Amino acid sequence: MKLVCLDLEGVLIPEIWMAVAEKTGVEGLRRTTRDEPDYDVLMNYRLGLLAEHDIRLPLIQEVIGTLSPLPGAKEFTAWLKSVSQVIILSDTFAQFAAPLMRQLDYPTLFCHELVVDPEGRITGYALRQNDQKRKAIEAFRSLNFETIASGDSYNDLSMIQSADHGILFRPSDAFAAEYPEFPVTREHAELRAEIEKHL
C-alpha cells in the first residue's frame, strides 16, 4: 500500500510566521526553516520575539484566520486522498492548524503543541518527538507502506531522505542544489505528476 506524506507550510498553505511578520511588522518572524535548519534554535528565536513584542496566541490565530490554502492545494489534496493514503507531517502547532485543515477538508495531520499561559502568551512548545518526520516515515515503512514524501525545506530533509521516494516542492535554489538526487517540482500539477510515477 502506498502512503504519501507532505509538509504543510510552503506546500499546501502559506508560511504562517511570514503572515504574522506582515501583520505585526516584526521582520525577524520572517525567518523560517529555509534560513535556520535547527528547529529548536529557530523556535526559541521566535519565542523571544513574541515575548519582546507581546505577540499573543489570539493575534496569531486572527492572522491565520485570514489565510487560505495555496492556489491549487485544495484540489491537489482532494485528488491525492482519492488515490492514496495521505498524512501531513508538519512542524506547525495544533493551535495554528485547525482553520486551514478545515479548508483542506481535514487531511490527517501530525504536528506539535504550543505551551500557552492563561493570558495567551506562548511560553514554549512540546514536540511530538524529536525528528518526528523521519521517525514517522520509518514507522510507516515498518508497517509495509511504500512511502512518498515531499517538502520544501531543511526540516523536511530527513523525511524525504527516509522515504522510498522523495520529492522537493518549491525549494530554494541553494537547497535544491545541495540535494540534486531529488526531483524538484514548482507547481501542484508537477508534484502530482511526480507522485503518479510511484502510484
N, C-alpha and C. Protein backbone atom coordinates (compact mmCIF):
# COMPACT_ATOMS: atom_id res chain seq x y z
N MET A 1 0.84 -1.19 0.00
CA MET A 1 0.00 0.00 0.00
C MET A 1 0.88 1.25 0.00
N LYS A 2 0.45 2.25 -0.73
CA LYS A 2 1.20 3.50 -0.84
C LYS A 2 0.71 4.51 0.21
N LEU A 3 1.64 5.31 0.69
CA LEU A 3 1.33 6.36 1.66
C LEU A 3 2.12 7.60 1.28
N VAL A 4 1.42 8.71 1.10
CA VAL A 4 2.07 9.98 0.76
C VAL A 4 2.11 10.86 2.00
N CYS A 5 3.30 11.37 2.31
CA CYS A 5 3.49 12.27 3.44
C CYS A 5 3.95 13.62 2.92
N LEU A 6 3.27 14.67 3.33
CA LEU A 6 3.56 16.01 2.85
C LEU A 6 3.87 16.94 4.00
N ASP A 7 4.77 17.87 3.77
CA ASP A 7 4.89 19.03 4.64
C ASP A 7 3.64 19.88 4.44
N LEU A 8 3.40 20.80 5.37
CA LEU A 8 2.20 21.65 5.29
C LEU A 8 2.52 23.05 4.77
N GLU A 9 3.28 23.80 5.57
CA GLU A 9 3.58 25.19 5.19
C GLU A 9 4.56 25.21 4.02
N GLY A 10 4.22 25.99 3.01
CA GLY A 10 5.04 26.07 1.82
C GLY A 10 4.67 25.05 0.77
N VAL A 11 3.88 24.03 1.15
CA VAL A 11 3.43 23.01 0.20
C VAL A 11 1.92 23.13 -0.03
N LEU A 12 1.17 23.23 1.06
CA LEU A 12 -0.29 23.34 0.94
C LEU A 12 -0.84 24.67 1.42
N ILE A 13 -0.16 25.28 2.37
CA ILE A 13 -0.62 26.56 2.91
C ILE A 13 0.53 27.56 2.94
N PRO A 14 0.23 28.85 3.05
CA PRO A 14 1.31 29.84 3.16
C PRO A 14 2.07 29.66 4.47
N GLU A 15 3.26 30.24 4.51
CA GLU A 15 4.07 30.22 5.74
C GLU A 15 3.38 31.10 6.80
N ILE A 16 2.95 30.48 7.88
CA ILE A 16 2.20 31.20 8.91
C ILE A 16 3.04 32.30 9.55
N TRP A 17 4.28 32.01 9.87
CA TRP A 17 5.12 33.01 10.54
C TRP A 17 5.38 34.21 9.65
N MET A 18 5.44 34.00 8.34
CA MET A 18 5.59 35.11 7.39
C MET A 18 4.37 36.03 7.48
N ALA A 19 3.20 35.42 7.55
CA ALA A 19 1.96 36.21 7.65
C ALA A 19 1.92 36.99 8.95
N VAL A 20 2.39 36.39 10.03
CA VAL A 20 2.43 37.10 11.31
C VAL A 20 3.42 38.26 11.24
N ALA A 21 4.53 38.05 10.56
CA ALA A 21 5.51 39.13 10.38
C ALA A 21 4.89 40.29 9.61
N GLU A 22 4.10 39.98 8.58
CA GLU A 22 3.42 41.02 7.80
C GLU A 22 2.47 41.83 8.68
N LYS A 23 1.72 41.12 9.51
CA LYS A 23 0.71 41.76 10.34
C LYS A 23 1.34 42.63 11.43
N THR A 24 2.42 42.14 12.03
CA THR A 24 2.99 42.80 13.21
C THR A 24 4.14 43.73 12.89
N GLY A 25 4.73 43.57 11.70
CA GLY A 25 5.91 44.35 11.34
C GLY A 25 7.18 43.87 12.01
N VAL A 26 7.16 42.70 12.64
CA VAL A 26 8.36 42.15 13.28
C VAL A 26 9.11 41.33 12.22
N GLU A 27 10.12 41.93 11.64
CA GLU A 27 10.81 41.33 10.50
C GLU A 27 11.46 40.00 10.85
N GLY A 28 11.92 39.86 12.10
CA GLY A 28 12.59 38.62 12.49
C GLY A 28 11.72 37.40 12.37
N LEU A 29 10.39 37.57 12.40
CA LEU A 29 9.49 36.44 12.27
C LEU A 29 9.42 35.89 10.85
N ARG A 30 10.08 36.56 9.92
CA ARG A 30 10.16 36.03 8.56
C ARG A 30 11.14 34.87 8.45
N ARG A 31 11.96 34.70 9.45
CA ARG A 31 12.95 33.62 9.43
C ARG A 31 12.24 32.27 9.51
N THR A 32 12.59 31.36 8.62
CA THR A 32 11.94 30.05 8.56
C THR A 32 12.99 28.95 8.55
N THR A 33 12.51 27.72 8.40
CA THR A 33 13.43 26.58 8.32
C THR A 33 14.25 26.60 7.04
N ARG A 34 13.91 27.45 6.10
CA ARG A 34 14.79 27.64 4.94
C ARG A 34 16.06 28.37 5.35
N ASP A 35 15.96 29.20 6.39
CA ASP A 35 17.09 30.00 6.85
C ASP A 35 17.85 29.34 8.00
N GLU A 36 17.11 28.62 8.85
CA GLU A 36 17.70 28.02 10.05
C GLU A 36 17.32 26.55 10.13
N PRO A 37 18.26 25.66 9.82
CA PRO A 37 17.93 24.23 9.80
C PRO A 37 17.67 23.63 11.18
N ASP A 38 18.17 24.25 12.25
CA ASP A 38 17.96 23.72 13.60
C ASP A 38 16.63 24.26 14.14
N TYR A 39 15.64 23.37 14.25
CA TYR A 39 14.29 23.80 14.60
C TYR A 39 14.22 24.39 16.01
N ASP A 40 14.95 23.82 16.95
CA ASP A 40 14.94 24.35 18.31
C ASP A 40 15.51 25.77 18.36
N VAL A 41 16.60 26.00 17.63
CA VAL A 41 17.17 27.34 17.56
C VAL A 41 16.15 28.32 16.99
N LEU A 42 15.49 27.91 15.93
CA LEU A 42 14.51 28.78 15.27
C LEU A 42 13.33 29.08 16.20
N MET A 43 12.79 28.06 16.86
CA MET A 43 11.62 28.28 17.71
C MET A 43 11.96 29.13 18.93
N ASN A 44 13.12 28.92 19.52
CA ASN A 44 13.50 29.76 20.66
C ASN A 44 13.70 31.21 20.24
N TYR A 45 14.21 31.41 19.03
CA TYR A 45 14.34 32.76 18.47
C TYR A 45 12.95 33.39 18.31
N ARG A 46 12.01 32.62 17.77
CA ARG A 46 10.65 33.13 17.60
C ARG A 46 9.99 33.44 18.94
N LEU A 47 10.15 32.54 19.90
CA LEU A 47 9.54 32.77 21.21
C LEU A 47 10.09 34.04 21.85
N GLY A 48 11.38 34.29 21.67
CA GLY A 48 11.97 35.53 22.19
C GLY A 48 11.34 36.75 21.57
N LEU A 49 11.10 36.71 20.25
CA LEU A 49 10.48 37.84 19.57
C LEU A 49 9.02 38.02 20.01
N LEU A 50 8.31 36.93 20.19
CA LEU A 50 6.92 37.05 20.65
C LEU A 50 6.85 37.71 22.02
N ALA A 51 7.75 37.31 22.91
CA ALA A 51 7.77 37.90 24.25
C ALA A 51 8.17 39.37 24.19
N GLU A 52 9.19 39.67 23.39
CA GLU A 52 9.69 41.05 23.28
C GLU A 52 8.61 42.00 22.78
N HIS A 53 7.80 41.53 21.85
CA HIS A 53 6.79 42.39 21.21
C HIS A 53 5.38 42.12 21.75
N ASP A 54 5.27 41.29 22.79
CA ASP A 54 3.99 40.95 23.40
C ASP A 54 2.96 40.49 22.36
N ILE A 55 3.40 39.58 21.50
CA ILE A 55 2.51 38.99 20.50
C ILE A 55 1.95 37.70 21.09
N ARG A 56 0.63 37.62 21.19
CA ARG A 56 -0.01 36.51 21.88
C ARG A 56 -0.77 35.62 20.89
N LEU A 57 -1.14 34.45 21.36
CA LEU A 57 -1.80 33.46 20.50
C LEU A 57 -3.06 34.00 19.83
N PRO A 58 -3.96 34.72 20.51
CA PRO A 58 -5.16 35.19 19.81
C PRO A 58 -4.85 36.04 18.58
N LEU A 59 -3.81 36.87 18.64
CA LEU A 59 -3.45 37.68 17.47
C LEU A 59 -2.96 36.78 16.34
N ILE A 60 -2.12 35.79 16.67
CA ILE A 60 -1.63 34.87 15.64
C ILE A 60 -2.79 34.11 15.02
N GLN A 61 -3.73 33.66 15.84
CA GLN A 61 -4.89 32.93 15.32
C GLN A 61 -5.77 33.83 14.45
N GLU A 62 -5.83 35.10 14.79
CA GLU A 62 -6.56 36.06 13.96
C GLU A 62 -5.92 36.16 12.57
N VAL A 63 -4.59 36.21 12.54
CA VAL A 63 -3.87 36.26 11.26
C VAL A 63 -4.13 34.97 10.47
N ILE A 64 -4.04 33.84 11.14
CA ILE A 64 -4.25 32.55 10.46
C ILE A 64 -5.65 32.49 9.86
N GLY A 65 -6.62 33.08 10.55
CA GLY A 65 -7.99 33.08 10.05
C GLY A 65 -8.18 33.81 8.74
N THR A 66 -7.21 34.64 8.36
CA THR A 66 -7.29 35.36 7.09
C THR A 66 -6.62 34.61 5.94
N LEU A 67 -5.95 33.49 6.24
CA LEU A 67 -5.18 32.77 5.23
C LEU A 67 -6.03 31.74 4.51
N SER A 68 -5.62 31.43 3.30
CA SER A 68 -6.24 30.38 2.51
C SER A 68 -5.16 29.43 2.02
N PRO A 69 -5.53 28.19 1.68
CA PRO A 69 -4.53 27.29 1.08
C PRO A 69 -3.91 27.91 -0.17
N LEU A 70 -2.71 27.45 -0.49
CA LEU A 70 -2.06 27.92 -1.71
C LEU A 70 -2.91 27.57 -2.92
N PRO A 71 -2.83 28.37 -3.99
CA PRO A 71 -3.62 28.08 -5.19
C PRO A 71 -3.38 26.66 -5.69
N GLY A 72 -4.45 25.93 -5.88
CA GLY A 72 -4.37 24.56 -6.37
C GLY A 72 -4.20 23.51 -5.28
N ALA A 73 -3.91 23.95 -4.04
CA ALA A 73 -3.62 22.98 -2.98
C ALA A 73 -4.85 22.16 -2.60
N LYS A 74 -6.01 22.80 -2.54
CA LYS A 74 -7.21 22.07 -2.13
C LYS A 74 -7.56 21.00 -3.16
N GLU A 75 -7.48 21.34 -4.43
CA GLU A 75 -7.78 20.38 -5.49
C GLU A 75 -6.75 19.24 -5.50
N PHE A 76 -5.48 19.61 -5.30
CA PHE A 76 -4.41 18.61 -5.25
C PHE A 76 -4.64 17.64 -4.10
N THR A 77 -4.98 18.18 -2.92
CA THR A 77 -5.19 17.33 -1.75
C THR A 77 -6.39 16.41 -1.96
N ALA A 78 -7.46 16.93 -2.55
CA ALA A 78 -8.63 16.10 -2.83
C ALA A 78 -8.28 14.96 -3.77
N TRP A 79 -7.51 15.26 -4.82
CA TRP A 79 -7.08 14.20 -5.74
C TRP A 79 -6.24 13.17 -5.00
N LEU A 80 -5.28 13.64 -4.22
CA LEU A 80 -4.35 12.74 -3.55
C LEU A 80 -5.08 11.79 -2.60
N LYS A 81 -6.05 12.33 -1.86
CA LYS A 81 -6.80 11.48 -0.93
C LYS A 81 -7.63 10.43 -1.67
N SER A 82 -7.92 10.69 -2.94
CA SER A 82 -8.72 9.74 -3.72
C SER A 82 -7.89 8.58 -4.27
N VAL A 83 -6.56 8.73 -4.28
CA VAL A 83 -5.71 7.71 -4.89
C VAL A 83 -4.72 7.09 -3.90
N SER A 84 -4.60 7.64 -2.70
CA SER A 84 -3.59 7.16 -1.76
C SER A 84 -3.98 7.53 -0.33
N GLN A 85 -3.37 6.85 0.63
CA GLN A 85 -3.41 7.32 2.00
C GLN A 85 -2.52 8.56 2.08
N VAL A 86 -2.93 9.56 2.86
CA VAL A 86 -2.21 10.83 2.94
C VAL A 86 -2.08 11.25 4.40
N ILE A 87 -0.87 11.63 4.80
CA ILE A 87 -0.65 12.17 6.14
C ILE A 87 0.21 13.42 6.00
N ILE A 88 -0.21 14.49 6.65
CA ILE A 88 0.57 15.72 6.69
C ILE A 88 1.50 15.63 7.91
N LEU A 89 2.80 15.72 7.66
CA LEU A 89 3.79 15.73 8.73
C LEU A 89 4.35 17.14 8.82
N SER A 90 3.99 17.85 9.87
CA SER A 90 4.31 19.28 9.93
C SER A 90 4.94 19.66 11.26
N ASP A 91 5.79 20.67 11.21
CA ASP A 91 6.35 21.26 12.41
C ASP A 91 5.54 22.48 12.87
N THR A 92 4.31 22.58 12.39
CA THR A 92 3.42 23.61 12.92
C THR A 92 2.80 23.10 14.23
N PHE A 93 1.80 23.81 14.72
CA PHE A 93 1.21 23.50 16.02
C PHE A 93 -0.30 23.34 15.89
N ALA A 94 -0.85 22.48 16.73
CA ALA A 94 -2.29 22.23 16.66
C ALA A 94 -3.10 23.51 16.81
N GLN A 95 -2.62 24.44 17.63
CA GLN A 95 -3.36 25.70 17.85
C GLN A 95 -3.34 26.60 16.61
N PHE A 96 -2.43 26.35 15.68
CA PHE A 96 -2.36 27.12 14.45
C PHE A 96 -3.16 26.49 13.32
N ALA A 97 -3.18 25.17 13.25
CA ALA A 97 -3.54 24.48 12.01
C ALA A 97 -5.03 24.34 11.75
N ALA A 98 -5.86 24.34 12.79
CA ALA A 98 -7.26 23.94 12.62
C ALA A 98 -8.01 24.68 11.52
N PRO A 99 -7.95 26.04 11.43
CA PRO A 99 -8.73 26.70 10.38
C PRO A 99 -8.31 26.30 8.97
N LEU A 100 -7.02 26.06 8.79
CA LEU A 100 -6.54 25.70 7.46
C LEU A 100 -6.84 24.24 7.14
N MET A 101 -6.82 23.38 8.13
CA MET A 101 -7.21 21.98 7.91
C MET A 101 -8.66 21.90 7.46
N ARG A 102 -9.50 22.74 8.03
CA ARG A 102 -10.90 22.77 7.63
C ARG A 102 -11.03 23.12 6.14
N GLN A 103 -10.24 24.09 5.69
CA GLN A 103 -10.30 24.49 4.28
C GLN A 103 -9.77 23.41 3.34
N LEU A 104 -8.93 22.51 3.87
CA LEU A 104 -8.39 21.41 3.06
C LEU A 104 -9.20 20.12 3.25
N ASP A 105 -10.37 20.23 3.88
CA ASP A 105 -11.25 19.08 4.13
C ASP A 105 -10.59 18.04 5.02
N TYR A 106 -9.85 18.51 6.01
CA TYR A 106 -9.35 17.70 7.12
C TYR A 106 -8.50 16.49 6.71
N PRO A 107 -7.40 16.71 6.03
CA PRO A 107 -6.44 15.60 5.91
C PRO A 107 -5.86 15.29 7.30
N THR A 108 -5.34 14.09 7.47
CA THR A 108 -4.73 13.71 8.74
C THR A 108 -3.46 14.52 8.95
N LEU A 109 -3.32 15.09 10.14
CA LEU A 109 -2.18 15.96 10.44
C LEU A 109 -1.47 15.49 11.70
N PHE A 110 -0.16 15.29 11.60
CA PHE A 110 0.69 15.07 12.76
C PHE A 110 1.51 16.33 12.96
N CYS A 111 1.38 16.98 14.11
CA CYS A 111 2.13 18.21 14.37
C CYS A 111 2.41 18.32 15.87
N HIS A 112 2.85 19.49 16.31
CA HIS A 112 3.26 19.70 17.70
C HIS A 112 2.20 20.53 18.45
N GLU A 113 2.51 20.84 19.72
CA GLU A 113 1.61 21.63 20.56
C GLU A 113 2.37 22.81 21.15
N LEU A 114 1.70 23.94 21.25
CA LEU A 114 2.25 25.10 21.93
C LEU A 114 1.93 25.04 23.42
N VAL A 115 2.79 25.64 24.22
CA VAL A 115 2.53 25.84 25.64
C VAL A 115 2.09 27.30 25.79
N VAL A 116 0.88 27.50 26.27
CA VAL A 116 0.27 28.84 26.31
C VAL A 116 -0.22 29.13 27.73
N ASP A 117 0.10 30.32 28.24
CA ASP A 117 -0.37 30.66 29.59
C ASP A 117 -1.81 31.19 29.53
N PRO A 118 -2.45 31.39 30.68
CA PRO A 118 -3.86 31.81 30.67
C PRO A 118 -4.11 33.16 29.98
N GLU A 119 -3.08 33.99 29.83
CA GLU A 119 -3.24 35.28 29.16
C GLU A 119 -2.94 35.20 27.67
N GLY A 120 -2.69 33.99 27.16
CA GLY A 120 -2.47 33.82 25.73
C GLY A 120 -1.03 33.99 25.30
N ARG A 121 -0.11 34.13 26.25
CA ARG A 121 1.31 34.22 25.89
C ARG A 121 1.83 32.82 25.56
N ILE A 122 2.56 32.72 24.47
CA ILE A 122 3.17 31.44 24.08
C ILE A 122 4.50 31.34 24.82
N THR A 123 4.58 30.42 25.75
CA THR A 123 5.75 30.33 26.62
C THR A 123 6.68 29.18 26.26
N GLY A 124 6.25 28.31 25.39
CA GLY A 124 7.08 27.18 25.00
C GLY A 124 6.36 26.33 23.98
N TYR A 125 6.93 25.17 23.71
CA TYR A 125 6.32 24.25 22.75
C TYR A 125 6.70 22.83 23.13
N ALA A 126 5.84 21.91 22.79
CA ALA A 126 6.06 20.50 23.07
C ALA A 126 6.09 19.75 21.76
N LEU A 127 7.26 19.23 21.40
CA LEU A 127 7.38 18.45 20.18
C LEU A 127 6.68 17.10 20.35
N ARG A 128 6.05 16.63 19.28
CA ARG A 128 5.51 15.27 19.31
C ARG A 128 6.63 14.32 19.69
N GLN A 129 7.76 14.44 19.02
CA GLN A 129 9.04 13.83 19.39
C GLN A 129 10.10 14.46 18.50
N ASN A 130 11.34 14.36 18.90
CA ASN A 130 12.41 14.90 18.08
C ASN A 130 12.46 14.18 16.74
N ASP A 131 12.69 14.94 15.68
CA ASP A 131 12.79 14.40 14.32
C ASP A 131 11.56 13.54 13.99
N GLN A 132 10.39 14.07 14.32
CA GLN A 132 9.16 13.29 14.15
C GLN A 132 8.89 12.90 12.71
N LYS A 133 9.32 13.73 11.76
CA LYS A 133 9.01 13.41 10.36
C LYS A 133 9.75 12.15 9.91
N ARG A 134 11.04 12.08 10.23
CA ARG A 134 11.82 10.88 9.87
C ARG A 134 11.27 9.66 10.60
N LYS A 135 11.01 9.81 11.89
CA LYS A 135 10.55 8.67 12.68
C LYS A 135 9.18 8.18 12.21
N ALA A 136 8.34 9.11 11.78
CA ALA A 136 7.04 8.70 11.24
C ALA A 136 7.21 7.89 9.96
N ILE A 137 8.06 8.37 9.05
CA ILE A 137 8.32 7.64 7.81
C ILE A 137 8.86 6.25 8.12
N GLU A 138 9.81 6.16 9.03
CA GLU A 138 10.38 4.86 9.39
C GLU A 138 9.31 3.94 9.97
N ALA A 139 8.41 4.49 10.78
CA ALA A 139 7.33 3.68 11.35
C ALA A 139 6.39 3.19 10.26
N PHE A 140 6.05 4.07 9.32
CA PHE A 140 5.16 3.66 8.23
C PHE A 140 5.81 2.59 7.37
N ARG A 141 7.08 2.73 7.11
CA ARG A 141 7.78 1.71 6.31
C ARG A 141 7.82 0.38 7.05
N SER A 142 7.95 0.44 8.38
CA SER A 142 7.95 -0.81 9.16
C SER A 142 6.60 -1.51 9.10
N LEU A 143 5.55 -0.75 8.76
CA LEU A 143 4.21 -1.31 8.58
C LEU A 143 3.96 -1.72 7.13
N ASN A 144 5.03 -1.74 6.35
CA ASN A 144 4.99 -2.17 4.94
C ASN A 144 4.26 -1.20 4.01
N PHE A 145 4.23 0.09 4.39
CA PHE A 145 3.80 1.11 3.44
C PHE A 145 4.97 1.47 2.54
N GLU A 146 4.70 1.67 1.28
CA GLU A 146 5.67 2.29 0.37
C GLU A 146 5.43 3.79 0.46
N THR A 147 6.44 4.52 0.89
CA THR A 147 6.24 5.92 1.24
C THR A 147 6.77 6.87 0.17
N ILE A 148 6.00 7.93 -0.03
CA ILE A 148 6.37 9.04 -0.91
C ILE A 148 6.30 10.28 -0.05
N ALA A 149 7.36 11.10 -0.05
CA ALA A 149 7.38 12.28 0.82
C ALA A 149 7.80 13.51 0.03
N SER A 150 7.17 14.63 0.38
CA SER A 150 7.51 15.88 -0.28
C SER A 150 7.50 17.03 0.70
N GLY A 151 8.47 17.92 0.55
CA GLY A 151 8.56 19.11 1.37
C GLY A 151 9.46 20.12 0.70
N ASP A 152 9.66 21.25 1.39
CA ASP A 152 10.36 22.36 0.74
C ASP A 152 11.62 22.83 1.45
N SER A 153 11.92 22.25 2.64
CA SER A 153 12.95 22.90 3.43
C SER A 153 13.76 21.91 4.25
N TYR A 154 14.72 22.47 5.01
CA TYR A 154 15.64 21.63 5.76
C TYR A 154 14.94 20.74 6.78
N ASN A 155 13.86 21.23 7.38
CA ASN A 155 13.19 20.39 8.38
C ASN A 155 12.42 19.24 7.74
N ASP A 156 12.35 19.21 6.41
CA ASP A 156 11.71 18.10 5.70
C ASP A 156 12.73 17.09 5.19
N LEU A 157 14.01 17.42 5.30
CA LEU A 157 15.03 16.63 4.63
C LEU A 157 15.08 15.18 5.12
N SER A 158 15.05 14.97 6.43
CA SER A 158 15.15 13.60 6.92
C SER A 158 13.94 12.77 6.51
N MET A 159 12.77 13.41 6.41
CA MET A 159 11.57 12.73 5.92
C MET A 159 11.75 12.32 4.46
N ILE A 160 12.24 13.25 3.66
CA ILE A 160 12.41 12.99 2.23
C ILE A 160 13.47 11.92 1.99
N GLN A 161 14.56 11.99 2.76
CA GLN A 161 15.63 11.01 2.61
C GLN A 161 15.22 9.63 3.08
N SER A 162 14.34 9.55 4.07
CA SER A 162 13.94 8.26 4.64
C SER A 162 12.84 7.57 3.84
N ALA A 163 12.13 8.33 3.02
CA ALA A 163 11.02 7.77 2.25
C ALA A 163 11.55 6.91 1.10
N ASP A 164 10.67 6.05 0.58
CA ASP A 164 11.05 5.28 -0.61
C ASP A 164 11.25 6.20 -1.81
N HIS A 165 10.45 7.28 -1.86
CA HIS A 165 10.54 8.24 -2.96
C HIS A 165 10.42 9.65 -2.39
N GLY A 166 11.43 10.47 -2.59
CA GLY A 166 11.42 11.84 -2.09
C GLY A 166 11.29 12.84 -3.22
N ILE A 167 10.53 13.91 -2.98
CA ILE A 167 10.29 14.94 -3.99
C ILE A 167 10.38 16.30 -3.30
N LEU A 168 11.11 17.23 -3.90
CA LEU A 168 11.17 18.59 -3.39
C LEU A 168 10.07 19.42 -4.03
N PHE A 169 9.45 20.29 -3.23
CA PHE A 169 8.42 21.19 -3.75
C PHE A 169 8.80 22.63 -3.43
N ARG A 170 9.03 23.40 -4.45
CA ARG A 170 9.41 24.82 -4.33
C ARG A 170 10.54 25.05 -3.33
N PRO A 171 11.62 24.27 -3.42
CA PRO A 171 12.75 24.53 -2.54
C PRO A 171 13.49 25.78 -2.99
N SER A 172 14.31 26.32 -2.10
CA SER A 172 15.22 27.38 -2.56
C SER A 172 16.21 26.78 -3.54
N ASP A 173 16.78 27.61 -4.39
CA ASP A 173 17.76 27.11 -5.37
C ASP A 173 18.94 26.47 -4.67
N ALA A 174 19.36 27.07 -3.55
CA ALA A 174 20.51 26.54 -2.81
C ALA A 174 20.20 25.16 -2.24
N PHE A 175 19.01 25.01 -1.68
CA PHE A 175 18.62 23.72 -1.10
C PHE A 175 18.53 22.65 -2.18
N ALA A 176 17.91 22.99 -3.31
CA ALA A 176 17.80 22.03 -4.41
C ALA A 176 19.18 21.63 -4.93
N ALA A 177 20.11 22.59 -4.99
CA ALA A 177 21.45 22.31 -5.48
C ALA A 177 22.21 21.38 -4.54
N GLU A 178 21.91 21.47 -3.23
CA GLU A 178 22.58 20.60 -2.26
C GLU A 178 22.13 19.15 -2.39
N TYR A 179 20.92 18.93 -2.89
CA TYR A 179 20.35 17.59 -2.92
C TYR A 179 19.80 17.28 -4.32
N PRO A 180 20.70 17.21 -5.30
CA PRO A 180 20.26 17.02 -6.69
C PRO A 180 19.66 15.65 -6.97
N GLU A 181 19.76 14.73 -6.01
CA GLU A 181 19.20 13.40 -6.23
C GLU A 181 17.67 13.39 -6.19
N PHE A 182 17.07 14.48 -5.69
CA PHE A 182 15.61 14.53 -5.59
C PHE A 182 15.02 15.40 -6.69
N PRO A 183 13.94 14.94 -7.33
CA PRO A 183 13.29 15.79 -8.34
C PRO A 183 12.71 17.04 -7.70
N VAL A 184 12.73 18.13 -8.46
CA VAL A 184 12.22 19.42 -7.99
C VAL A 184 10.92 19.72 -8.73
N THR A 185 9.88 20.06 -7.97
CA THR A 185 8.61 20.47 -8.56
C THR A 185 8.28 21.88 -8.06
N ARG A 186 7.61 22.64 -8.90
CA ARG A 186 7.29 24.03 -8.55
C ARG A 186 5.79 24.31 -8.46
N GLU A 187 5.00 23.45 -9.07
CA GLU A 187 3.54 23.62 -9.05
C GLU A 187 2.89 22.30 -8.64
N HIS A 188 1.66 22.39 -8.16
CA HIS A 188 0.99 21.17 -7.70
C HIS A 188 0.77 20.17 -8.85
N ALA A 189 0.60 20.66 -10.07
CA ALA A 189 0.45 19.74 -11.20
C ALA A 189 1.74 18.95 -11.41
N GLU A 190 2.88 19.59 -11.21
CA GLU A 190 4.16 18.89 -11.33
C GLU A 190 4.34 17.88 -10.20
N LEU A 191 3.95 18.28 -8.99
CA LEU A 191 4.04 17.37 -7.85
C LEU A 191 3.13 16.16 -8.08
N ARG A 192 1.94 16.41 -8.58
CA ARG A 192 1.04 15.30 -8.88
C ARG A 192 1.68 14.35 -9.89
N ALA A 193 2.29 14.89 -10.93
CA ALA A 193 2.90 14.04 -11.96
C ALA A 193 4.02 13.19 -11.37
N GLU A 194 4.82 13.77 -10.48
CA GLU A 194 5.89 13.00 -9.85
C GLU A 194 5.33 11.91 -8.95
N ILE A 195 4.30 12.23 -8.19
CA ILE A 195 3.68 11.23 -7.31
C ILE A 195 3.08 10.10 -8.14
N GLU A 196 2.45 10.45 -9.26
CA GLU A 196 1.80 9.44 -10.09
C GLU A 196 2.78 8.40 -10.61
N LYS A 197 4.04 8.78 -10.75
CA LYS A 197 5.06 7.82 -11.21
C LYS A 197 5.23 6.66 -10.24
N HIS A 198 4.83 6.87 -8.99
CA HIS A 198 5.07 5.86 -7.95
C HIS A 198 3.79 5.22 -7.42
N LEU A 199 2.66 5.59 -7.99
CA LEU A 199 1.38 5.02 -7.53
C LEU A 199 1.03 3.76 -8.32
